[in-house]
Protein backbone atom coordinates (compact mmCIF):
# COMPACT_ATOMS: atom_id res chain seq x y z
CA UNK A 1 0.00 0.00 0.00
CA UNK A 2 1.41 3.38 -1.00
CA UNK A 3 1.76 6.09 1.58
CA UNK A 4 -0.48 9.12 0.99
CA UNK A 5 0.64 11.87 3.30
CA UNK A 6 -1.86 14.65 4.01
CA UNK A 7 -0.56 16.00 7.32
CA UNK A 8 1.93 18.62 6.17
CA UNK A 9 0.69 21.04 8.83
CA UNK A 10 2.26 18.69 11.40
CA UNK A 11 5.49 18.15 9.48
CA UNK A 12 6.22 18.17 5.77
CA UNK A 13 6.71 15.07 3.66
CA UNK A 14 8.32 14.54 1.25
CA UNK A 15 11.15 16.82 2.26
CA UNK A 16 13.19 18.88 -0.17
CA UNK A 17 14.77 16.60 -2.79
CA UNK A 18 18.27 15.56 -1.81
CA UNK A 19 17.87 16.40 1.87
CA UNK A 20 18.69 12.88 3.05
CA UNK A 21 21.80 12.80 0.89
CA UNK A 22 22.97 16.18 2.23
CA UNK A 23 22.51 15.03 5.83
CA UNK A 24 24.24 11.70 5.18
CA UNK A 25 27.19 13.45 3.53
CA UNK A 26 27.67 15.66 6.57
CA UNK A 27 27.29 12.86 9.11
CA UNK A 28 29.55 10.45 7.24
CA UNK A 29 32.20 12.82 5.93
CA UNK A 30 31.88 16.35 7.25
CA UNK A 31 31.22 16.36 11.01
CA UNK A 32 33.03 19.22 12.72
CA UNK A 33 32.49 21.76 15.49
CA UNK A 34 32.67 25.28 14.01
CA UNK A 35 34.62 27.90 15.97
CA UNK A 36 36.41 25.09 17.77
CA UNK A 37 38.21 22.71 15.43
CA UNK A 38 40.90 24.17 13.20
CA UNK A 39 39.83 22.51 9.98
CA UNK A 40 38.83 23.31 6.42
CA UNK A 41 35.57 21.53 7.25
CA UNK A 42 35.05 23.96 10.11
CA UNK A 43 35.25 26.93 7.74
CA UNK A 44 32.89 25.20 5.34
CA UNK A 45 30.37 24.53 8.13
CA UNK A 46 30.59 28.16 9.21
CA UNK A 47 29.86 29.25 5.64
CA UNK A 48 26.79 27.00 5.47
CA UNK A 49 25.55 28.30 8.82
CA UNK A 50 25.94 31.89 7.67
CA UNK A 51 24.28 31.11 4.34
CA UNK A 52 21.28 29.78 6.28
CA UNK A 53 21.17 32.97 8.32
CA UNK A 54 21.17 35.00 5.12
CA UNK A 55 18.35 32.88 3.66
CA UNK A 56 16.21 33.39 6.77
CA UNK A 57 17.09 37.06 6.89
CA UNK A 58 15.96 37.42 3.28
CA UNK A 59 12.80 35.37 3.85
CA UNK A 60 11.61 37.71 6.60
CA UNK A 61 13.26 40.87 5.21
CA UNK A 62 15.41 41.82 8.17
CA UNK A 63 18.97 42.78 7.16
CA UNK A 64 20.73 41.43 10.25
CA UNK A 65 21.43 37.70 9.89
CA UNK A 66 23.43 37.82 13.10
CA UNK A 67 20.14 38.40 14.96
CA UNK A 68 18.90 34.87 14.34
CA UNK A 69 18.86 32.42 17.23
CA UNK A 70 18.51 28.72 16.46
CA UNK A 71 16.44 26.49 18.76
CA UNK A 72 15.12 22.92 18.65
CA UNK A 73 11.76 24.06 17.28
CA UNK A 74 9.35 26.98 17.15
CA UNK A 75 7.80 26.05 20.50
CA UNK A 76 11.16 26.56 22.17
CA UNK A 77 11.63 29.83 20.29
CA UNK A 78 8.23 31.18 21.34
CA UNK A 79 8.80 30.14 24.94
CA UNK A 80 12.13 31.95 24.91
CA UNK A 81 10.63 35.14 23.45
CA UNK A 82 7.75 35.14 25.92
CA UNK A 83 9.82 34.27 28.99
CA UNK A 84 12.77 36.42 27.94
CA UNK A 85 10.89 39.59 26.99
CA UNK A 86 7.89 39.56 29.33
CA UNK A 87 7.38 39.64 33.09
CA UNK A 88 4.59 38.47 35.33
CA UNK A 89 3.17 41.98 35.79
CA UNK A 90 2.83 42.54 32.04
CA UNK A 91 -0.34 42.26 29.97
CA UNK A 92 -0.39 40.73 26.50
CA UNK A 93 -2.87 40.79 23.62
CA UNK A 94 -3.20 37.52 21.69
CA UNK A 95 -5.55 36.27 19.00
CA UNK A 96 -8.22 33.63 19.48
CA UNK A 97 -6.27 31.39 17.09
CA UNK A 98 -3.10 30.89 19.11
CA UNK A 99 -1.31 27.59 19.54
CA UNK A 100 -0.48 26.20 22.98
CA UNK A 101 3.15 27.13 22.24
CA UNK A 102 2.00 30.66 23.08
CA UNK A 103 -0.85 30.09 25.51
CA UNK A 104 0.86 27.63 27.85
CA UNK A 105 3.96 29.74 28.59
CA UNK A 106 1.72 32.77 29.20
CA UNK A 107 -0.38 30.79 31.67
CA UNK A 108 2.70 29.16 33.19
CA UNK A 109 4.14 32.61 33.92
CA UNK A 110 0.84 33.96 35.19
CA UNK A 111 0.83 36.74 32.60
CA UNK A 112 -2.54 38.44 32.09
CA UNK A 113 -3.80 38.41 28.51
CA UNK A 114 -6.74 39.59 26.44
CA UNK A 115 -8.02 37.78 23.36
CA UNK A 116 -8.78 39.28 19.96
CA UNK A 117 -12.01 37.65 18.78
CA UNK A 118 -12.35 36.24 15.31
CA UNK A 119 -15.02 35.41 12.77
CA UNK A 120 -16.60 31.98 12.54
CA UNK A 121 -14.11 31.25 9.73
CA UNK A 122 -11.12 32.00 11.96
CA UNK A 123 -10.14 35.50 10.79
CA UNK A 124 -9.12 37.95 13.51
CA UNK A 125 -11.52 40.84 14.18
CA UNK A 126 -9.29 43.76 15.08
CA UNK A 127 -12.13 46.20 15.76
CA UNK A 128 -11.81 45.30 19.44
CA UNK A 129 -8.10 46.20 19.70
CA UNK A 130 -8.61 49.69 21.21
CA UNK A 131 -10.71 48.22 24.03
CA UNK A 132 -8.11 45.57 24.88
CA UNK A 133 -5.24 47.91 25.72
CA UNK A 134 -4.28 48.31 29.38
CA UNK A 135 -1.71 50.51 31.10
CA UNK A 136 0.58 47.49 31.49
CA UNK A 137 0.11 46.06 27.98
CA UNK A 138 3.54 45.05 26.73
CA UNK A 139 3.07 42.95 23.59
CA UNK A 140 0.82 41.69 20.81
CA UNK A 141 1.39 38.09 19.72
CA UNK A 142 -0.23 36.86 16.50
CA UNK A 143 -0.33 33.46 14.82
CA UNK A 144 0.14 34.40 11.15
CA UNK A 145 -1.92 31.47 9.85
CA UNK A 146 -4.29 29.18 11.74
CA UNK A 147 -3.35 25.55 12.21
CA UNK A 148 -7.05 24.62 12.47
CA UNK A 149 -8.87 27.21 10.34
CA UNK A 150 -6.28 27.70 7.60
CA UNK A 151 -7.03 31.43 7.81
CA UNK A 152 -4.17 33.77 6.86
CA UNK A 153 -4.30 36.73 9.21
CA UNK A 154 -3.93 40.41 8.48
CA UNK A 155 -0.64 41.35 10.18
CA UNK A 156 -0.51 45.00 9.17
CA UNK A 157 -3.34 46.13 11.46
CA UNK A 158 -1.88 44.75 14.72
CA UNK A 159 1.60 45.82 13.59
CA UNK A 160 0.45 49.42 13.20
CA UNK A 161 -1.35 49.26 16.52
CA UNK A 162 1.77 47.89 18.24
CA UNK A 163 3.94 50.60 16.70
CA UNK A 164 1.58 53.40 17.73
CA UNK A 165 1.42 52.11 21.31
CA UNK A 166 5.09 51.17 21.64
CA UNK A 167 4.33 47.48 22.08
CA UNK A 168 6.34 44.41 21.16
CA UNK A 169 4.95 42.64 18.10
CA UNK A 170 5.75 38.91 17.97
CA UNK A 171 4.73 36.65 15.07
CA UNK A 172 4.28 32.86 15.04
CA UNK A 173 5.07 31.79 11.46
CA UNK A 174 4.71 28.00 11.90
CA UNK A 175 1.90 27.51 9.38
CA UNK A 176 2.67 30.57 7.26
CA UNK A 177 6.21 30.24 5.93
CA UNK A 178 7.31 30.27 3.19
CA UNK A 179 4.12 30.99 1.21
CA UNK A 180 2.77 33.85 3.36
CA UNK A 181 4.80 37.04 3.20
CA UNK A 182 6.09 38.22 6.57
CA UNK A 183 8.12 41.40 6.17
CA UNK A 184 9.78 42.35 9.46
CA UNK A 185 10.79 45.81 8.28
CA UNK A 186 7.38 46.67 6.88
CA UNK A 187 5.64 45.35 9.98
CA UNK A 188 8.23 46.71 12.42
CA UNK A 189 8.05 43.27 14.01
CA UNK A 190 9.98 42.66 17.21
CA UNK A 191 10.55 38.98 16.42
CA UNK A 192 9.40 36.21 14.10
CA UNK A 193 9.55 32.63 15.37
CA UNK A 194 10.02 29.96 12.71
CA UNK A 195 10.31 26.20 12.36
CA UNK A 196 12.35 24.27 9.82
CA UNK A 197 10.37 21.05 9.45
CA UNK A 198 7.01 22.26 8.12
CA UNK A 199 6.65 24.51 5.08
CA UNK A 200 10.39 25.10 4.93
CA UNK A 201 10.79 21.38 4.06
CA UNK A 202 13.73 20.86 6.39
CA UNK A 203 14.54 18.26 9.05
CA UNK A 204 12.92 18.11 12.47
CA UNK A 205 14.90 19.50 15.39
CA UNK A 206 15.73 22.95 13.99
CA UNK A 207 13.80 26.18 14.45
CA UNK A 208 14.44 29.57 15.92
CA UNK A 209 13.64 33.26 15.95
CA UNK A 210 14.83 36.31 14.11
CA UNK A 211 14.90 39.11 16.65
CA UNK A 212 15.16 42.87 16.15
CA UNK A 213 18.72 43.86 16.97
CA UNK A 214 18.10 45.98 20.06
CA UNK A 215 16.11 43.10 21.56
CA UNK A 216 18.68 40.50 20.49
CA UNK A 217 21.25 42.46 22.49
CA UNK A 218 19.03 42.73 25.55
CA UNK A 219 17.01 39.49 25.78
CA UNK A 220 18.39 37.06 28.32
CA UNK A 221 20.00 34.12 26.47
CA UNK A 222 18.05 30.89 26.73
CA UNK A 223 21.25 29.22 27.93
CA UNK A 224 24.79 30.44 28.50
CA UNK A 225 28.08 28.72 27.85
CA UNK A 226 30.98 28.41 25.49
CA UNK A 227 30.81 30.21 22.18
CA UNK A 228 34.30 29.66 20.82
CA UNK A 229 34.76 33.43 21.06
CA UNK A 230 35.97 35.77 23.81
CA UNK A 231 36.90 32.73 25.85
CA UNK A 232 39.05 34.85 28.18
CA UNK A 233 35.85 36.04 29.91
CA UNK A 234 33.30 34.17 32.00
CA UNK A 235 30.65 36.78 31.21
CA UNK A 236 28.07 36.28 28.47
CA UNK A 237 29.50 38.01 25.38
CA UNK A 238 27.59 40.83 23.74
CA UNK A 239 28.71 39.62 20.32
CA UNK A 240 25.93 38.47 17.97
CA UNK A 241 25.02 35.75 17.18
CA UNK A 242 27.30 34.21 19.81
CA UNK A 243 25.36 35.49 22.83
CA UNK A 244 22.17 33.90 21.46
CA UNK A 245 23.60 30.50 20.50
CA UNK A 246 26.22 29.15 22.91
CA UNK A 247 27.33 25.54 22.90
CA UNK A 248 27.65 23.19 19.96
CA UNK A 249 25.28 24.07 17.12
CA UNK A 250 22.80 21.60 15.68
CA UNK A 251 24.90 21.33 12.53
CA UNK A 252 22.86 18.48 10.94
CA UNK A 253 19.77 20.66 11.36
CA UNK A 254 21.56 23.71 9.98
CA UNK A 255 22.97 21.77 7.02
CA UNK A 256 19.53 20.31 6.30
CA UNK A 257 17.58 23.54 6.59
CA UNK A 258 20.07 25.42 4.41
CA UNK A 259 19.70 22.70 1.77
CA UNK A 260 15.90 22.97 1.92
CA UNK A 261 15.80 26.77 1.81
CA UNK A 262 18.16 26.77 -1.15
CA UNK A 263 15.74 24.45 -2.93
CA UNK A 264 12.71 26.54 -1.96
CA UNK A 265 14.30 29.79 -3.14
CA UNK A 266 14.67 28.31 -6.63
CA UNK A 267 11.23 26.67 -6.78
CA UNK A 268 8.96 28.83 -4.64
CA UNK A 269 6.34 29.63 -7.27
CA UNK A 270 5.87 26.06 -8.50
CA UNK A 271 5.74 24.68 -4.95
CA UNK A 272 3.13 27.26 -3.95
CA UNK A 273 1.04 26.75 -7.08
CA UNK A 274 0.84 22.98 -6.61
CA UNK A 275 -0.01 23.16 -2.91
CA UNK A 276 -2.73 25.71 -3.61
CA UNK A 277 -4.15 23.69 -6.52
CA UNK A 278 -4.26 20.49 -4.45
CA UNK A 279 -5.92 22.32 -1.55
CA UNK A 280 -8.56 23.76 -3.87
CA UNK A 281 -9.18 20.35 -5.41
CA UNK A 282 -9.56 18.79 -1.97
CA UNK A 283 -12.01 21.43 -0.72
CA UNK A 284 -14.13 21.28 -3.86
CA UNK A 285 -14.35 17.50 -3.49
CA UNK A 286 -15.21 17.66 0.21
CA UNK A 287 -18.11 20.03 -0.49
CA UNK A 288 -19.67 17.30 -2.66
CA UNK A 289 -19.60 14.53 -0.03
CA UNK A 290 -22.74 14.15 2.08
CA UNK A 291 -22.20 14.26 5.83
CA UNK A 292 -19.05 16.37 5.77
CA UNK A 293 -19.00 19.81 7.38
CA UNK A 294 -16.08 22.11 6.60
CA UNK A 295 -14.80 24.59 9.18
CA UNK A 296 -12.45 27.52 8.90
CA UNK A 297 -11.52 29.60 5.88
CA UNK A 298 -13.56 29.08 2.73
CA UNK A 299 -12.32 28.15 -0.69
CA UNK A 300 -12.08 31.70 -2.00
CA UNK A 301 -10.77 33.26 1.20
CA UNK A 302 -7.18 34.07 2.10
CA UNK A 303 -6.15 30.61 3.27
CA UNK A 304 -3.37 28.06 3.57
CA UNK A 305 -3.41 24.31 2.93
CA UNK A 306 -5.04 23.48 6.29
CA UNK A 307 -8.53 22.01 5.87
CA UNK A 308 -10.64 20.98 8.89
CA UNK A 309 -13.83 18.93 8.79
CA UNK A 310 -16.38 17.23 11.01
CA UNK A 311 -18.16 14.06 9.93
CA UNK A 312 -21.85 13.42 10.65
CA UNK A 313 -22.86 9.99 11.89
CA UNK A 314 -19.32 8.76 12.48
CA UNK A 315 -16.54 9.92 14.77
CA UNK A 316 -13.67 11.77 13.09
CA UNK A 317 -11.14 9.49 14.78
CA UNK A 318 -12.80 6.47 13.20
CA UNK A 319 -12.77 8.15 9.78
CA UNK A 320 -9.07 8.94 10.18
CA UNK A 321 -8.34 5.34 11.18
CA UNK A 322 -10.30 3.97 8.21
CA UNK A 323 -8.48 6.26 5.79
CA UNK A 324 -5.19 4.92 7.08
CA UNK A 325 -6.26 1.28 7.26
CA UNK A 326 -7.89 1.10 3.83
CA UNK A 327 -5.85 3.59 1.86
CA UNK A 328 -2.60 4.39 3.65
CA UNK A 329 -3.86 7.99 3.97
CA UNK A 330 -2.29 9.89 6.86
CA UNK A 331 -4.23 12.77 8.46
CA UNK A 332 -4.57 14.29 11.90
CA UNK A 333 -7.59 14.22 14.19
CA UNK A 334 -8.26 16.03 17.48
CA UNK A 335 -7.74 19.52 18.89
CA UNK A 336 -4.37 20.15 17.20
CA UNK A 337 -2.82 21.79 20.29
CA UNK A 338 -5.07 24.83 19.86
CA UNK A 339 -8.23 24.64 21.98
CA UNK A 340 -8.79 28.39 21.55
CA UNK A 341 -9.06 27.94 17.77
CA UNK A 342 -11.68 25.23 18.18
CA UNK A 343 -13.70 27.36 20.58
CA UNK A 344 -13.69 30.08 17.93
CA UNK A 345 -14.86 27.70 15.20
CA UNK A 346 -17.41 25.93 17.40
CA UNK A 347 -15.62 22.58 17.22
CA UNK A 348 -14.56 22.34 20.88
CA UNK A 349 -14.26 19.86 22.56
CA UNK A 350 -14.93 17.41 19.72
CA UNK A 351 -12.12 18.65 17.48
CA UNK A 352 -11.79 18.11 13.75
CA UNK A 353 -10.28 15.83 11.16
CA UNK A 354 -7.54 17.87 9.50
CA UNK A 355 -6.11 17.48 6.02
CA UNK A 356 -3.09 19.45 4.84
CA UNK A 357 -1.79 18.73 1.34
CA UNK A 358 1.76 19.76 0.56
CA UNK A 359 3.75 21.09 -2.37
CA UNK A 360 4.42 17.55 -3.61
CA UNK A 361 0.88 16.17 -3.24
CA UNK A 362 -0.54 14.80 -6.50
CA UNK A 363 -3.98 14.89 -8.13
CA UNK A 364 -4.15 11.10 -7.99
CA UNK A 365 -3.63 11.21 -4.20
CA UNK A 366 -6.39 13.79 -3.74
CA UNK A 367 -8.80 11.89 -6.02
CA UNK A 368 -8.14 8.61 -4.22
CA UNK A 369 -8.64 10.27 -0.83
CA UNK A 370 -11.95 11.80 -1.89
CA UNK A 371 -13.18 8.51 -3.38
CA UNK A 372 -12.37 6.55 -0.22
CA UNK A 373 -13.81 9.25 2.03
CA UNK A 374 -17.05 9.26 0.03
CA UNK A 375 -17.27 5.48 0.46
CA UNK A 376 -16.68 5.72 4.22
CA UNK A 377 -19.32 8.44 4.65
CA UNK A 378 -21.83 6.50 2.52
CA UNK A 379 -21.54 3.53 4.86
CA UNK A 380 -21.49 5.58 8.06
């Protein structure tokens, strides 16, 4: 049975062509510790690391690649931004479409927050922003694209509001990059958190944040330790990016993500066009199947590849299991680590069955999925 992968919102598959070979080449022939080992390989690894920084800097239009901090994933990056830039007495404005990677650290720290409501399709309603501000409001945090609704959010309105009120503006790009434009300079964003293993087609275990320079120089490092620079001092160096990334870098992750971003930069339009076409094909087919209810952004709205449904007469978990058992079709079912999103859409606590085609999904895979789903719903 062939594997049909429709869970790219969780992690992308297939990855960028040649990624496995690039990782194997490094592990088998090129392992080195940059800034430590005196080796030609060390210089080469440094060049790859800096090339990745330049790719990310270009992707988010912020001309300071040294202001990028690498982490294990975007959850770690968001936790660091929240816990490093905010204090318990602060107040934060978030959207009603945030992931637990934002909500849990806020609640863990006991930080007060207000929620921007959204439409029944998952789009933020910013008309309430003026009423949400408090004397101690410190930041606005926005998920650029919903991982349940698929809705692509307007970032310019909260960015302007943050600028006018001297607030931090932090963006979660997990479901948005690379197909949704996030321009740090235009938005005057304080930081953009990113992950390598979803739309960026890289390996798992690499993510990070690009942080405005004045904040990169002031935020408390997530950890402190050796940097291979200024080793005569036991104080945390003020040199960027060293102060943000002590210890041994995740070089396999860096090598892999640089490979993937290089591929994306050359093929962005075709990758986007295919993902969008497959998403449209999926949604149009779902509308024609009796017993299926679609939630979130509509077909003609500003949306990503995330498609959420409920199934009448049969539990979504059973449908997901049958798709896998009978057709090798991989999806995701549940609350998707975002209970707030489901409360907005009216799907809490039941959750949804989520499909997310990717840039390499084929028409045959979508047609087969729709045919099998129609059969399952007919017999429900």
